[in-house]
Protein backbone atom coordinates (compact mmCIF):
# COMPACT_ATOMS: atom_id res chain seq x y z
CA MET A 1 75.07 104.61 10.19
CA GLN A 2 75.43 101.60 12.05
CA VAL A 3 77.31 101.57 15.03
CA ASP A 4 79.82 98.89 15.82
CA TYR A 5 79.18 98.01 19.51
CA LYS A 6 81.92 95.15 19.56
CA GLN A 7 84.56 97.48 18.10
CA ILE A 8 83.33 99.87 20.38
CA LYS A 9 83.68 97.41 23.31
CA GLN A 10 87.01 96.22 22.23
CA TRP A 11 88.54 99.76 22.08
CA ILE A 12 87.34 100.19 25.82
CA LEU A 13 88.55 97.36 27.37
CA GLN A 14 91.98 96.92 25.19
CA PRO A 15 93.61 100.20 27.08
CA ILE A 16 92.31 98.32 30.78
CA LEU A 17 93.73 94.84 30.21
CA MET A 18 97.46 96.38 29.03
CA SER A 19 96.94 98.31 32.41
CA LEU A 20 96.49 95.49 34.17
CA VAL A 21 99.06 93.55 32.53
CA ALA A 22 102.01 96.16 33.05
CA ALA A 23 100.74 96.27 36.66
CA GLY A 24 101.19 92.49 37.29
CA THR A 25 104.85 92.76 35.54
CA LEU A 26 105.76 95.40 37.84
CA ALA A 27 104.56 93.52 40.88
CA CYS A 28 106.48 90.67 39.82
CA GLN A 29 109.51 92.39 39.27
CA SER A 30 109.40 93.94 43.09
CA THR A 31 108.63 90.56 44.49
CA VAL A 32 111.90 89.14 42.50
CA SER A 33 114.13 91.83 43.24
CA SER A 34 113.28 91.47 47.18
CA SER A 35 114.44 87.85 47.12
CA PRO A 36 117.47 87.22 49.27
CA THR A 37 118.71 85.02 46.06
CA ASN A 38 118.97 88.42 44.33
CA GLN A 39 120.62 90.84 46.81
CA ALA A 40 123.40 90.75 49.23
CA ILE A 41 122.23 89.08 52.36
CA ALA A 42 123.17 91.55 55.47
CA LYS A 43 125.90 90.69 57.82
CA PRO A 44 125.01 91.29 61.78
CA VAL A 45 126.60 94.42 63.23
CA VAL A 46 127.48 93.87 66.48
CA LEU A 47 127.66 97.32 68.68
CA LEU A 48 129.94 97.82 71.73
CA ASP A 49 129.10 100.02 74.54
CA LYS A 50 131.12 100.39 77.74
CA SER A 51 129.87 97.53 79.47
CA THR A 52 131.12 94.99 76.90
CA PRO A 53 133.94 93.23 78.27
CA LYS A 54 137.66 93.82 76.53
CA PRO A 55 138.61 90.70 74.54
CA VAL A 56 140.68 88.22 77.03
CA ALA A 57 144.31 87.45 76.21
CA GLN A 58 145.17 84.24 74.69
CA GLN A 59 145.68 81.81 77.26
CA ALA A 60 148.68 78.84 77.12
CA ILE A 61 149.02 75.88 79.53
CA TYR A 62 151.98 74.72 81.33
CA ARG A 63 151.94 70.97 81.90
CA SER A 64 154.50 68.92 84.42
CA ASP A 65 154.04 65.19 83.25
CA ARG A 66 156.59 64.62 85.91
CA PHE A 67 154.69 66.09 88.94
CA ARG A 68 151.51 65.75 87.36
CA PHE A 69 149.88 69.10 87.20
CA ARG A 70 148.91 71.95 84.98
CA PHE A 71 147.71 75.63 84.84
CA SER A 72 147.04 78.05 82.27
CA TYR A 73 148.47 81.71 81.94
CA SER A 74 148.21 84.54 79.37
CA LYS A 75 150.65 84.73 76.26
CA ASP A 76 151.41 88.28 77.59
CA PHE A 77 153.80 86.34 80.34
CA VAL A 78 156.63 84.03 79.30
CA ILE A 79 157.65 80.75 80.73
CA ASP A 80 161.21 79.48 79.98
CA ASN A 81 162.85 76.76 82.17
CA GLN A 82 166.51 78.22 80.91
CA ILE A 83 165.72 81.49 83.08
CA SER A 84 165.22 80.92 86.71
CA THR A 85 165.32 83.07 90.30
CA PRO A 86 168.69 82.08 91.43
CA ARG A 87 169.03 80.25 94.69
CA ASN A 88 171.46 80.37 97.59
CA ASN A 89 169.70 78.21 100.32
CA VAL A 90 169.49 74.65 101.01
CA ASN A 91 166.13 74.16 100.59
CA THR A 92 166.36 74.14 96.76
CA PRO A 93 163.11 72.90 95.37
CA LEU A 94 162.91 70.15 92.64
CA THR A 95 161.83 72.11 90.22
CA ALA A 96 161.15 75.72 90.11
CA VAL A 97 158.87 77.36 87.14
CA ASP A 98 159.30 81.23 86.66
CA ILE A 99 156.71 83.27 84.84
CA TRP A 100 157.95 86.46 83.17
CA THR A 101 156.72 89.28 81.28
CA LYS A 102 157.93 89.17 77.66
CA GLN A 103 160.03 92.12 78.56
CA HIS A 104 161.85 90.76 81.84
CA ALA A 105 162.49 87.54 79.97
CA GLN A 106 164.10 89.09 77.19
CA LYS A 107 166.35 91.21 79.36
CA ILE A 108 167.38 88.24 80.88
CA ARG A 109 168.25 86.17 78.17
CA ALA A 110 170.47 89.38 77.12
CA GLY A 111 172.58 89.47 80.17
CA ALA A 112 171.06 92.48 81.77
CA TYR A 113 171.07 90.69 85.32
CA GLU A 114 174.49 89.60 84.66
CA GLY A 115 177.12 90.32 87.37
CA GLY A 116 175.20 90.21 90.75
CA THR A 117 172.27 92.30 89.63
CA GLU A 118 169.22 91.23 91.38
CA TYR A 119 166.49 89.63 88.94
CA PRO A 120 163.08 91.18 89.10
CA ALA A 121 160.05 90.25 90.82
CA ASN A 122 157.90 87.58 89.47
CA VAL A 123 155.50 84.67 89.93
CA GLN A 124 156.95 81.27 90.80
CA VAL A 125 155.37 77.92 91.19
CA ALA A 126 157.98 75.48 93.20
CA VAL A 127 157.96 71.87 94.16
CA TYR A 128 159.57 70.43 97.68
CA ASN A 129 160.28 67.64 99.03
CA ASN A 130 158.71 67.09 102.81
CA PRO A 131 160.44 64.14 103.94
CA ARG A 132 159.67 64.77 107.71
CA LYS A 133 155.72 64.88 106.82
CA PHE A 134 155.47 68.18 108.47
CA SER A 135 151.98 70.07 108.49
CA LEU A 136 152.41 72.86 105.98
CA GLN A 137 152.55 75.80 108.80
CA LYS A 138 155.33 73.99 110.45
CA TRP A 139 157.23 73.17 107.10
CA VAL A 140 157.13 76.93 105.99
CA LYS A 141 158.26 78.00 109.51
CA GLN A 142 161.26 75.98 109.33
CA SER A 143 162.37 76.42 105.78
CA ASN A 144 164.64 79.14 105.04
CA GLU A 145 163.28 79.92 101.84
CA PHE A 146 160.27 81.88 103.51
CA THR A 147 161.76 83.99 105.99
CA GLY A 148 159.91 86.20 108.19
CA SER A 149 156.70 84.07 107.44
CA ARG A 150 153.39 85.57 108.89
CA ASP A 151 149.56 85.91 108.40
CA PHE A 152 148.95 82.27 107.76
CA LYS A 153 145.25 81.82 106.55
CA SER A 154 143.61 78.25 105.07
CA ALA A 155 142.87 78.32 101.38
CA LYS A 156 141.64 76.14 98.93
CA ILE A 157 143.50 75.39 95.66
CA ALA A 158 143.18 72.59 93.05
CA GLY A 159 140.70 70.76 95.22
CA GLN A 160 143.19 70.86 98.45
CA THR A 161 143.30 72.87 101.70
CA GLY A 162 146.36 74.78 101.97
CA VAL A 163 147.71 77.81 103.66
CA LYS A 164 147.94 81.65 102.19
CA PHE A 165 150.97 83.27 103.94
CA GLN A 166 153.27 85.91 103.66
CA SER A 167 156.86 86.15 104.00
CA SER A 168 159.67 88.65 103.26
CA GLY A 169 163.12 88.28 101.76
CA LEU A 170 164.70 90.04 98.96
CA TYR A 171 161.14 90.95 98.06
CA GLU A 172 157.89 91.15 99.99
CA ASN A 173 156.08 87.76 99.02
CA GLU A 174 152.52 86.24 98.84
CA ASN A 175 152.31 82.44 98.94
CA VAL A 176 150.00 79.84 99.01
CA ALA A 177 151.25 76.07 99.52
CA PHE A 178 149.82 73.02 99.38
CA ILE A 179 150.21 69.19 99.29
CA SER A 180 150.06 67.21 95.99
CA PRO A 181 147.79 64.26 96.53
CA LYS A 182 150.07 62.60 93.83
CA ASP A 183 153.15 62.22 96.20
CA SER A 184 152.95 64.29 99.11
CA ARG A 185 155.31 66.98 97.87
CA ILE A 186 154.76 70.68 98.81
CA ILE A 187 153.59 72.91 96.04
CA VAL A 188 154.18 76.79 96.46
CA VAL A 189 152.79 79.73 94.32
CA SER A 190 154.65 82.80 95.07
CA LEU A 191 154.21 86.40 94.23
CA SER A 192 157.22 88.54 94.78
CA LYS A 193 156.45 92.24 94.96
CA THR A 194 158.49 95.09 94.87
CA GLY A 195 156.12 97.88 96.29
CA TYR A 196 156.68 100.36 93.53
CA GLY A 197 155.98 100.99 89.53
CA ASN A 198 153.13 98.96 88.21
CA ASN A 199 155.07 95.63 88.11
CA ASP A 200 153.26 94.01 91.15
CA THR A 201 149.82 94.83 89.54
CA ILE A 202 150.95 93.04 86.20
CA TYR A 203 152.28 89.90 87.98
CA ARG A 204 149.29 89.72 90.17
CA ARG A 205 147.38 89.00 87.12
CA ALA A 206 149.81 85.87 86.50
CA TYR A 207 149.66 84.93 89.96
CA GLN A 208 145.78 84.85 90.34
CA GLN A 209 145.33 83.19 87.20
CA VAL A 210 147.82 80.30 88.37
CA VAL A 211 146.09 79.78 91.49
CA ASN A 212 142.69 79.73 90.02
CA SER A 213 143.49 77.45 87.24
CA PHE A 214 145.84 74.91 89.12
CA ALA A 215 144.92 71.50 88.57
CA PHE A 216 146.47 68.07 88.99
CA LEU A 217 146.44 65.65 86.35
CA LYS A 218 144.55 62.04 86.30
């Protein structure tokens, strides 16, 4: 009986070749499936811990083209030129910008403080004339706007050298006064305080932001 060695060789090699082809096909499929074009690209995940700062409230800008200054404040507060602290003295400012919480502004607009009820303590930016060209400290002391003025200290604001001081009145007040380089008028930023509740803390944030962001327009 004659053995066909060629046929035996084909029987042995054929399964081996088929195995190699199958392995190659699987490898190609694995490569394709891992391609970024065939699977969703994962979005980065940001993990927050206790050291992550809280989101900052959205900011708004108040700008006065007449007096050439601006400052920023949180949108948690409201500036409304239609509601301003009542005044009964001769040193009426040329303009007074009152900053209120949204809750206080809503109550004022609704008439909650009509009939002689005192307005809440708040933050104010006021502009005054100084026709006699007094120094800042002398101007403050002669003004009946800031009774009981005391604790004068030098301060820097908007690139100008000013003075910080305390004053008394309906409320206890922290103030910073400085001179506008545009027209030599005096600008005073004031924080009024009641000494109780959490309003002082809330309004202090607005006061500090105004002081830190105050700038003169070019």
